[in-house]
Amino acid sequence: MSNRPQRRIFVGDVQGCREELERLLETLRFDPAADELHPAGDLVNRGPDSVGVLRLARELDAGGVLGNHDLHALRTAHGTRKLGRRDTLDELLAADDREELLAWLAARPFVRTWPDVVLVHAAVHPDWTDFEDELAGIDPLTADARSDFATRVRYCDEHGARPEADWPEPKTPFVPWFWHWQKRAGETRTAVFGHWARMGLVRATRVRGLDTGCVWGQELTAWIAEEDRFVSVPAARVYSPTSLPD
């Protein structure tokens, strides 16, 4: 066993890109005995190997949070959503171990907190104080305004109201959700999130955004909390060509 101090390694949206995840972990010299892996949601969909990503994450006892594509996969498997034309979930839905993998995925929370870090897929509401309590007990198979906010929001106003669309960039009073985070009185933790490939890598005061668009042919990125360091690997190719990632 390594005697290296434990690292918390947060990873942006993998979206079925197992090859890139394996290369990133190799680059990081990830040690399951000494490190923690925390994906920022959207482990599955649009990429080529959602099954492989879930098997690997489960094998590594990854933590992390749920993202909107994870919810879509769970609800599609449950029969309450239909596959879209750009979805790549067929192999997962047909896998012999699908029930075990989906149960593992569904057990991810919508938010994780530490004394110095808050991890969420998309955003936390400006009015929320106890994030874990706010999002506790929500069924990932059921639509809920709170989990929808946590897994989908990019822009909002100071009260959490959302624009009709995120693109073109909405005008005042809507701003990136993390601007409100930075203004929170007494808040010292760093917010870590994914979900925003158009925004790309974000390194701002108490904010780390990790969705660097791997599935769109860009990069898969990790942030090592203990070192405040980003590490990225390039995507092998474009898996889901689009100018409007969601």
C-alpha atoms as a PDB file:
ATOM      1  CA  MET A   1       0.000   0.000   0.000  1.00  0.00           C
ATOM      2  CA  SER A   2       1.244   3.467  -0.855  1.00  0.00           C
ATOM      3  CA  ASN A   3       2.131   5.748   2.021  1.00  0.00           C
ATOM      4  CA  ARG A   4       1.255   8.775  -0.102  1.00  0.00           C
ATOM      5  CA  PRO A   5      -1.366  11.045   1.493  1.00  0.00           C
ATOM      6  CA  GLN A   6      -4.816  10.365   0.129  1.00  0.00           C
ATOM      7  CA  ARG A   7      -5.909  12.496  -2.810  1.00  0.00           C
ATOM      8  CA  ARG A   8      -9.442  13.390  -3.818  1.00  0.00           C
ATOM      9  CA  ILE A   9      -9.541  13.293  -7.591  1.00  0.00           C
ATOM     10  CA  PHE A  10     -12.563  14.971  -9.172  1.00  0.00           C
ATOM     11  CA  VAL A  11     -13.239  14.155 -12.829  1.00  0.00           C
ATOM     12  CA  GLY A  12     -15.387  16.012 -15.343  1.00  0.00           C
ATOM     13  CA  ASP A  13     -18.105  14.484 -17.523  1.00  0.00           C
ATOM     14  CA  VAL A  14     -16.902  11.084 -18.760  1.00  0.00           C
ATOM     15  CA  GLN A  15     -20.034  10.276 -20.798  1.00  0.00           C
ATOM     16  CA  GLY A  16     -19.056   6.758 -21.745  1.00  0.00           C
ATOM     17  CA  CYS A  17     -15.447   7.567 -22.694  1.00  0.00           C
ATOM     18  CA  ARG A  18     -13.805   4.663 -20.904  1.00  0.00           C
ATOM     19  CA  GLU A  19     -10.554   4.799 -22.894  1.00  0.00           C
ATOM     20  CA  GLU A  20      -9.970   8.409 -21.885  1.00  0.00           C
ATOM     21  CA  LEU A  21     -10.876   7.714 -18.261  1.00  0.00           C
ATOM     22  CA  GLU A  22      -8.354   4.876 -18.125  1.00  0.00           C
ATOM     23  CA  ARG A  23      -5.663   7.084 -19.685  1.00  0.00           C
ATOM     24  CA  LEU A  24      -6.437   9.891 -17.254  1.00  0.00           C
ATOM     25  CA  LEU A  25      -6.188   7.565 -14.256  1.00  0.00           C
ATOM     26  CA  GLU A  26      -2.917   6.159 -15.598  1.00  0.00           C
ATOM     27  CA  THR A  27      -1.558   9.681 -16.063  1.00  0.00           C
ATOM     28  CA  LEU A  28      -2.564  10.505 -12.504  1.00  0.00           C
ATOM     29  CA  ARG A  29      -1.026   7.240 -11.246  1.00  0.00           C
ATOM     30  CA  PHE A  30      -4.320   6.652  -9.495  1.00  0.00           C
ATOM     31  CA  ASP A  31      -3.942   4.363  -6.492  1.00  0.00           C
ATOM     32  CA  PRO A  32      -7.245   2.875  -5.229  1.00  0.00           C
ATOM     33  CA  ALA A  33      -5.592   2.247  -1.868  1.00  0.00           C
ATOM     34  CA  ALA A  34      -4.626   5.883  -1.396  1.00  0.00           C
ATOM     35  CA  ASP A  35      -6.883   7.981  -3.629  1.00  0.00           C
ATOM     36  CA  GLU A  36     -10.587   8.722  -3.930  1.00  0.00           C
ATOM     37  CA  LEU A  37     -12.263   9.087  -7.322  1.00  0.00           C
ATOM     38  CA  HIS A  38     -15.223  11.459  -7.556  1.00  0.00           C
ATOM     39  CA  PRO A  39     -16.824  11.904 -10.993  1.00  0.00           C
ATOM     40  CA  ALA A  40     -18.813  15.121 -11.349  1.00  0.00           C
ATOM     41  CA  GLY A  41     -21.775  13.291 -12.880  1.00  0.00           C
ATOM     42  CA  ASP A  42     -22.659  12.155 -16.408  1.00  0.00           C
ATOM     43  CA  LEU A  43     -20.679   8.951 -16.347  1.00  0.00           C
ATOM     44  CA  VAL A  44     -22.771   7.628 -19.226  1.00  0.00           C
ATOM     45  CA  ASN A  45     -24.252   8.392 -22.646  1.00  0.00           C
ATOM     46  CA  ARG A  46     -23.174   9.895 -25.960  1.00  0.00           C
ATOM     47  CA  GLY A  47     -19.778   8.177 -25.737  1.00  0.00           C
ATOM     48  CA  PRO A  48     -18.906   4.628 -26.885  1.00  0.00           C
ATOM     49  CA  ASP A  49     -18.653   2.587 -23.671  1.00  0.00           C
ATOM     50  CA  SER A  50     -21.079   3.505 -20.890  1.00  0.00           C
ATOM     51  CA  VAL A  51     -21.035  -0.099 -19.664  1.00  0.00           C
ATOM     52  CA  GLY A  52     -17.250  -0.063 -19.383  1.00  0.00           C
ATOM     53  CA  VAL A  53     -17.225   3.259 -17.548  1.00  0.00           C
ATOM     54  CA  LEU A  54     -19.740   2.039 -14.974  1.00  0.00           C
ATOM     55  CA  ARG A  55     -17.907  -1.242 -14.472  1.00  0.00           C
ATOM     56  CA  LEU A  56     -14.629   0.576 -13.968  1.00  0.00           C
ATOM     57  CA  ALA A  57     -16.082   3.198 -11.633  1.00  0.00           C
ATOM     58  CA  ARG A  58     -17.786   0.528  -9.574  1.00  0.00           C
ATOM     59  CA  GLU A  59     -14.600  -1.552  -9.434  1.00  0.00           C
ATOM     60  CA  LEU A  60     -12.687   1.484  -8.172  1.00  0.00           C
ATOM     61  CA  ASP A  61     -15.367   2.243  -5.561  1.00  0.00           C
ATOM     62  CA  ALA A  62     -15.853   5.705  -7.034  1.00  0.00           C
ATOM     63  CA  GLY A  63     -17.969   8.239  -5.216  1.00  0.00           C
ATOM     64  CA  GLY A  64     -19.200  11.175  -7.241  1.00  0.00           C
ATOM     65  CA  VAL A  65     -22.657  12.539  -7.971  1.00  0.00           C
ATOM     66  CA  LEU A  66     -25.488  12.040 -10.434  1.00  0.00           C
ATOM     67  CA  GLY A  67     -25.753  14.059 -13.632  1.00  0.00           C
ATOM     68  CA  ASN A  68     -28.596  14.643 -16.057  1.00  0.00           C
ATOM     69  CA  HIS A  69     -27.408  11.920 -18.465  1.00  0.00           C
ATOM     70  CA  ASP A  70     -27.197   9.469 -15.571  1.00  0.00           C
ATOM     71  CA  LEU A  71     -30.805  10.291 -14.668  1.00  0.00           C
ATOM     72  CA  HIS A  72     -31.807   9.840 -18.304  1.00  0.00           C
ATOM     73  CA  ALA A  73     -30.211   6.379 -18.384  1.00  0.00           C
ATOM     74  CA  LEU A  74     -31.879   5.335 -15.140  1.00  0.00           C
ATOM     75  CA  ARG A  75     -35.304   6.556 -16.234  1.00  0.00           C
ATOM     76  CA  THR A  76     -34.952   4.989 -19.681  1.00  0.00           C
ATOM     77  CA  ALA A  77     -34.128   1.645 -18.077  1.00  0.00           C
ATOM     78  CA  HIS A  78     -37.155   2.108 -15.812  1.00  0.00           C
ATOM     79  CA  GLY A  79     -39.397   2.748 -18.806  1.00  0.00           C
ATOM     80  CA  THR A  80     -40.307   6.355 -18.035  1.00  0.00           C
ATOM     81  CA  ARG A  81     -38.056   7.913 -20.683  1.00  0.00           C
ATOM     82  CA  LYS A  82     -37.342   7.018 -24.296  1.00  0.00           C
ATOM     83  CA  LEU A  83     -33.996   6.827 -26.013  1.00  0.00           C
ATOM     84  CA  GLY A  84     -33.091   9.857 -28.072  1.00  0.00           C
ATOM     85  CA  ARG A  85     -31.427   9.753 -31.481  1.00  0.00           C
ATOM     86  CA  ARG A  86     -28.025  10.729 -30.046  1.00  0.00           C
ATOM     87  CA  ASP A  87     -28.156   8.369 -27.055  1.00  0.00           C
ATOM     88  CA  THR A  88     -25.642   5.530 -26.859  1.00  0.00           C
ATOM     89  CA  LEU A  89     -27.207   3.487 -24.081  1.00  0.00           C
ATOM     90  CA  ASP A  90     -28.244   0.349 -25.973  1.00  0.00           C
ATOM     91  CA  GLU A  91     -25.291  -1.740 -24.786  1.00  0.00           C
ATOM     92  CA  LEU A  92     -25.865  -0.709 -21.174  1.00  0.00           C
ATOM     93  CA  LEU A  93     -29.576  -1.495 -21.348  1.00  0.00           C
ATOM     94  CA  ALA A  94     -28.807  -4.927 -22.825  1.00  0.00           C
ATOM     95  CA  ALA A  95     -25.912  -5.843 -20.504  1.00  0.00           C
ATOM     96  CA  ASP A  96     -26.177  -8.970 -18.351  1.00  0.00           C
ATOM     97  CA  ASP A  97     -25.131  -6.943 -15.310  1.00  0.00           C
ATOM     98  CA  ARG A  98     -27.282  -3.917 -16.102  1.00  0.00           C
ATOM     99  CA  GLU A  99     -29.327  -4.150 -12.915  1.00  0.00           C
ATOM    100  CA  GLU A 100     -26.224  -4.200 -10.711  1.00  0.00           C
ATOM    101  CA  LEU A 101     -24.639  -1.330 -12.637  1.00  0.00           C
ATOM    102  CA  LEU A 102     -27.792   0.791 -12.631  1.00  0.00           C
ATOM    103  CA  ALA A 103     -28.373   0.149  -8.925  1.00  0.00           C
ATOM    104  CA  TRP A 104     -24.816   1.281  -8.231  1.00  0.00           C
ATOM    105  CA  LEU A 105     -25.325   4.389 -10.353  1.00  0.00           C
ATOM    106  CA  ALA A 106     -28.654   5.220  -8.710  1.00  0.00           C
ATOM    107  CA  ALA A 107     -26.987   5.119  -5.308  1.00  0.00           C
ATOM    108  CA  ARG A 108     -24.893   8.199  -6.167  1.00  0.00           C
ATOM    109  CA  PRO A 109     -26.180  11.323  -4.392  1.00  0.00           C
ATOM    110  CA  PHE A 110     -26.969  14.638  -6.060  1.00  0.00           C
ATOM    111  CA  VAL A 111     -24.344  16.464  -4.010  1.00  0.00           C
ATOM    112  CA  ARG A 112     -21.336  15.594  -1.860  1.00  0.00           C
ATOM    113  CA  THR A 113     -19.750  17.920   0.645  1.00  0.00           C
ATOM    114  CA  TRP A 114     -16.478  18.114   2.537  1.00  0.00           C
ATOM    115  CA  PRO A 115     -15.224  20.844   4.872  1.00  0.00           C
ATOM    116  CA  ASP A 116     -13.468  22.440   1.885  1.00  0.00           C
ATOM    117  CA  VAL A 117     -15.341  21.224  -1.208  1.00  0.00           C
ATOM    118  CA  VAL A 118     -18.898  20.939  -2.527  1.00  0.00           C
ATOM    119  CA  LEU A 119     -19.381  18.643  -5.533  1.00  0.00           C
ATOM    120  CA  VAL A 120     -22.464  18.914  -7.757  1.00  0.00           C
ATOM    121  CA  HIS A 121     -23.053  18.074 -11.395  1.00  0.00           C
ATOM    122  CA  ALA A 122     -24.477  21.397 -12.550  1.00  0.00           C
ATOM    123  CA  ALA A 123     -25.348  23.924  -9.839  1.00  0.00           C
ATOM    124  CA  VAL A 124     -26.546  24.635  -6.330  1.00  0.00           C
ATOM    125  CA  HIS A 125     -29.480  26.954  -5.755  1.00  0.00           C
ATOM    126  CA  PRO A 126     -28.598  30.396  -4.339  1.00  0.00           C
ATOM    127  CA  ASP A 127     -31.133  29.920  -1.543  1.00  0.00           C
ATOM    128  CA  TRP A 128     -29.901  26.495  -0.412  1.00  0.00           C
ATOM    129  CA  THR A 129     -27.820  26.327   2.743  1.00  0.00           C
ATOM    130  CA  ASP A 130     -27.626  22.658   3.761  1.00  0.00           C
ATOM    131  CA  PHE A 131     -27.096  21.155   0.323  1.00  0.00           C
ATOM    132  CA  GLU A 132     -27.075  17.522   1.386  1.00  0.00           C
ATOM    133  CA  ASP A 133     -30.255  17.960   3.393  1.00  0.00           C
ATOM    134  CA  GLU A 134     -31.915  19.835   0.529  1.00  0.00           C
ATOM    135  CA  LEU A 135     -31.208  17.038  -1.944  1.00  0.00           C
ATOM    136  CA  ALA A 136     -31.474  14.036   0.375  1.00  0.00           C
ATOM    137  CA  GLY A 137     -34.035  11.332  -0.281  1.00  0.00           C
ATOM    138  CA  ILE A 138     -34.950  12.433  -3.809  1.00  0.00           C
ATOM    139  CA  ASP A 139     -35.763   9.455  -6.028  1.00  0.00           C
ATOM    140  CA  PRO A 140     -33.575   9.645  -9.148  1.00  0.00           C
ATOM    141  CA  LEU A 141     -36.379   7.950 -11.101  1.00  0.00           C
ATOM    142  CA  THR A 142     -38.840  10.752 -10.350  1.00  0.00           C
ATOM    143  CA  ALA A 143     -38.759  14.306 -11.681  1.00  0.00           C
ATOM    144  CA  ASP A 144     -38.117  16.854  -8.935  1.00  0.00           C
ATOM    145  CA  ALA A 145     -37.395  20.577  -9.216  1.00  0.00           C
ATOM    146  CA  ARG A 146     -34.489  20.312  -6.782  1.00  0.00           C
ATOM    147  CA  SER A 147     -32.657  17.501  -8.549  1.00  0.00           C
ATOM    148  CA  ASP A 148     -33.416  19.146 -11.887  1.00  0.00           C
ATOM    149  CA  PHE A 149     -31.691  22.306 -10.654  1.00  0.00           C
ATOM    150  CA  ALA A 150     -28.684  20.380  -9.367  1.00  0.00           C
ATOM    151  CA  THR A 151     -28.204  18.459 -12.606  1.00  0.00           C
ATOM    152  CA  ARG A 152     -29.176  20.952 -15.324  1.00  0.00           C
ATOM    153  CA  VAL A 153     -28.792  24.620 -14.385  1.00  0.00           C
ATOM    154  CA  ARG A 154     -26.089  26.840 -15.848  1.00  0.00           C
ATOM    155  CA  TYR A 155     -27.539  30.330 -15.527  1.00  0.00           C
ATOM    156  CA  CYS A 156     -29.909  31.713 -12.904  1.00  0.00           C
ATOM    157  CA  ASP A 157     -30.759  34.936 -11.110  1.00  0.00           C
ATOM    158  CA  GLU A 158     -30.096  35.657  -7.443  1.00  0.00           C
ATOM    159  CA  HIS A 159     -33.292  33.839  -6.445  1.00  0.00           C
ATOM    160  CA  GLY A 160     -32.631  30.762  -8.563  1.00  0.00           C
ATOM    161  CA  ALA A 161     -34.981  31.625 -11.419  1.00  0.00           C
ATOM    162  CA  ARG A 162     -33.804  30.174 -14.705  1.00  0.00           C
ATOM    163  CA  PRO A 163     -33.789  31.638 -18.245  1.00  0.00           C
ATOM    164  CA  GLU A 164     -35.812  30.019 -20.985  1.00  0.00           C
ATOM    165  CA  ALA A 165     -32.592  28.887 -22.662  1.00  0.00           C
ATOM    166  CA  ASP A 166     -28.849  28.841 -21.975  1.00  0.00           C
ATOM    167  CA  TRP A 167     -27.850  29.771 -25.521  1.00  0.00           C
ATOM    168  CA  PRO A 168     -27.514  32.381 -26.820  1.00  0.00           C
ATOM    169  CA  GLU A 169     -26.128  33.576 -23.491  1.00  0.00           C
ATOM    170  CA  PRO A 170     -29.043  35.023 -21.508  1.00  0.00           C
ATOM    171  CA  LYS A 171     -29.026  38.639 -20.431  1.00  0.00           C
ATOM    172  CA  THR A 172     -29.325  40.250 -16.985  1.00  0.00           C
ATOM    173  CA  PRO A 173     -30.515  39.255 -14.439  1.00  0.00           C
ATOM    174  CA  PHE A 174     -29.277  35.789 -15.429  1.00  0.00           C
ATOM    175  CA  VAL A 175     -25.620  35.042 -14.746  1.00  0.00           C
ATOM    176  CA  PRO A 176     -23.559  31.861 -14.368  1.00  0.00           C
ATOM    177  CA  TRP A 177     -24.854  30.161 -11.233  1.00  0.00           C
ATOM    178  CA  PHE A 178     -21.433  30.155  -9.589  1.00  0.00           C
ATOM    179  CA  TRP A 179     -21.330  33.947  -9.494  1.00  0.00           C
ATOM    180  CA  HIS A 180     -23.908  33.712  -6.734  1.00  0.00           C
ATOM    181  CA  TRP A 181     -21.776  31.060  -5.036  1.00  0.00           C
ATOM    182  CA  GLN A 182     -18.822  33.403  -4.936  1.00  0.00           C
ATOM    183  CA  LYS A 183     -20.940  36.056  -3.203  1.00  0.00           C
ATOM    184  CA  ARG A 184     -22.195  33.761  -0.422  1.00  0.00           C
ATOM    185  CA  ALA A 185     -21.478  35.332   2.940  1.00  0.00           C
ATOM    186  CA  GLY A 186     -19.117  33.206   5.004  1.00  0.00           C
ATOM    187  CA  GLU A 187     -18.725  30.489   2.350  1.00  0.00           C
ATOM    188  CA  THR A 188     -15.142  29.235   2.114  1.00  0.00           C
ATOM    189  CA  ARG A 189     -15.589  25.951   0.254  1.00  0.00           C
ATOM    190  CA  THR A 190     -14.711  25.378  -3.385  1.00  0.00           C
ATOM    191  CA  ALA A 191     -17.601  24.403  -5.660  1.00  0.00           C
ATOM    192  CA  VAL A 192     -16.679  21.672  -8.156  1.00  0.00           C
ATOM    193  CA  PHE A 193     -19.012  20.952 -11.066  1.00  0.00           C
ATOM    194  CA  GLY A 194     -19.290  19.619 -14.617  1.00  0.00           C
ATOM    195  CA  HIS A 195     -22.132  19.912 -17.155  1.00  0.00           C
ATOM    196  CA  TRP A 196     -20.852  22.991 -19.005  1.00  0.00           C
ATOM    197  CA  ALA A 197     -18.698  21.958 -21.959  1.00  0.00           C
ATOM    198  CA  ARG A 198     -19.330  25.257 -23.726  1.00  0.00           C
ATOM    199  CA  MET A 199     -17.833  27.077 -20.717  1.00  0.00           C
ATOM    200  CA  GLY A 200     -14.935  24.617 -20.562  1.00  0.00           C
ATOM    201  CA  LEU A 201     -12.359  24.575 -17.798  1.00  0.00           C
ATOM    202  CA  VAL A 202     -13.198  27.014 -15.017  1.00  0.00           C
ATOM    203  CA  ARG A 203     -10.648  28.091 -12.449  1.00  0.00           C
ATOM    204  CA  ALA A 204     -12.025  31.005 -10.457  1.00  0.00           C
ATOM    205  CA  THR A 205     -12.184  31.986  -6.806  1.00  0.00           C
ATOM    206  CA  ARG A 206     -13.679  28.979  -4.974  1.00  0.00           C
ATOM    207  CA  VAL A 207     -14.915  27.499  -8.269  1.00  0.00           C
ATOM    208  CA  ARG A 208     -13.578  24.604 -10.366  1.00  0.00           C
ATOM    209  CA  GLY A 209     -15.481  23.622 -13.528  1.00  0.00           C
ATOM    210  CA  LEU A 210     -14.358  20.334 -15.057  1.00  0.00           C
ATOM    211  CA  ASP A 211     -16.444  19.607 -18.171  1.00  0.00           C
ATOM    212  CA  THR A 212     -13.922  20.034 -20.954  1.00  0.00           C
ATOM    213  CA  GLY A 213     -15.981  18.246 -23.593  1.00  0.00           C
ATOM    214  CA  CYS A 214     -14.344  14.844 -23.913  1.00  0.00           C
ATOM    215  CA  VAL A 215     -17.307  13.348 -25.740  1.00  0.00           C
ATOM    216  CA  TRP A 216     -17.180  16.293 -28.162  1.00  0.00           C
ATOM    217  CA  GLY A 217     -13.586  15.430 -29.072  1.00  0.00           C
ATOM    218  CA  GLN A 218     -11.853  17.775 -26.637  1.00  0.00           C
ATOM    219  CA  GLU A 219     -10.410  16.645 -23.282  1.00  0.00           C
ATOM    220  CA  LEU A 220     -11.203  14.745 -20.101  1.00  0.00           C
ATOM    221  CA  THR A 221     -10.069  16.691 -17.058  1.00  0.00           C
ATOM    222  CA  ALA A 222      -9.420  15.953 -13.395  1.00  0.00           C
ATOM    223  CA  TRP A 223      -8.826  18.309 -10.494  1.00  0.00           C
ATOM    224  CA  ILE A 224      -6.737  17.080  -7.568  1.00  0.00           C
ATOM    225  CA  ALA A 225      -8.056  18.925  -4.533  1.00  0.00           C
ATOM    226  CA  GLU A 226      -5.040  18.435  -2.296  1.00  0.00           C
ATOM    227  CA  GLU A 227      -2.726  19.878  -4.942  1.00  0.00           C
ATOM    228  CA  ASP A 228      -5.133  22.352  -6.584  1.00  0.00           C
ATOM    229  CA  ARG A 229      -3.949  20.938  -9.880  1.00  0.00           C
ATOM    230  CA  PHE A 230      -5.684  20.106 -13.163  1.00  0.00           C
ATOM    231  CA  VAL A 231      -4.684  17.147 -15.315  1.00  0.00           C
ATOM    232  CA  SER A 232      -6.215  16.501 -18.748  1.00  0.00           C
ATOM    233  CA  VAL A 233      -5.953  13.918 -21.504  1.00  0.00           C
ATOM    234  CA  PRO A 234      -7.151  14.449 -25.083  1.00  0.00           C
ATOM    235  CA  ALA A 235     -10.127  12.608 -26.481  1.00  0.00           C
ATOM    236  CA  ALA A 236      -9.270   9.871 -28.959  1.00  0.00           C
ATOM    237  CA  ARG A 237     -11.848  11.295 -31.381  1.00  0.00           C
ATOM    238  CA  VAL A 238     -15.161  13.108 -31.634  1.00  0.00           C
ATOM    239  CA  TYR A 239     -17.861  10.774 -30.348  1.00  0.00           C
ATOM    240  CA  SER A 240     -20.896  13.027 -30.496  1.00  0.00           C
ATOM    241  CA  PRO A 241     -20.521  15.876 -33.005  1.00  0.00           C
ATOM    242  CA  THR A 242     -22.656  18.856 -32.036  1.00  0.00           C
ATOM    243  CA  SER A 243     -22.206  22.537 -31.342  1.00  0.00           C
ATOM    244  CA  LEU A 244     -24.726  22.546 -28.534  1.00  0.00           C
ATOM    245  CA  PRO A 245     -23.702  20.035 -25.849  1.00  0.00           C
ATOM    246  CA  ASP A 246     -26.355  19.340 -23.245  1.00  0.00           C
END
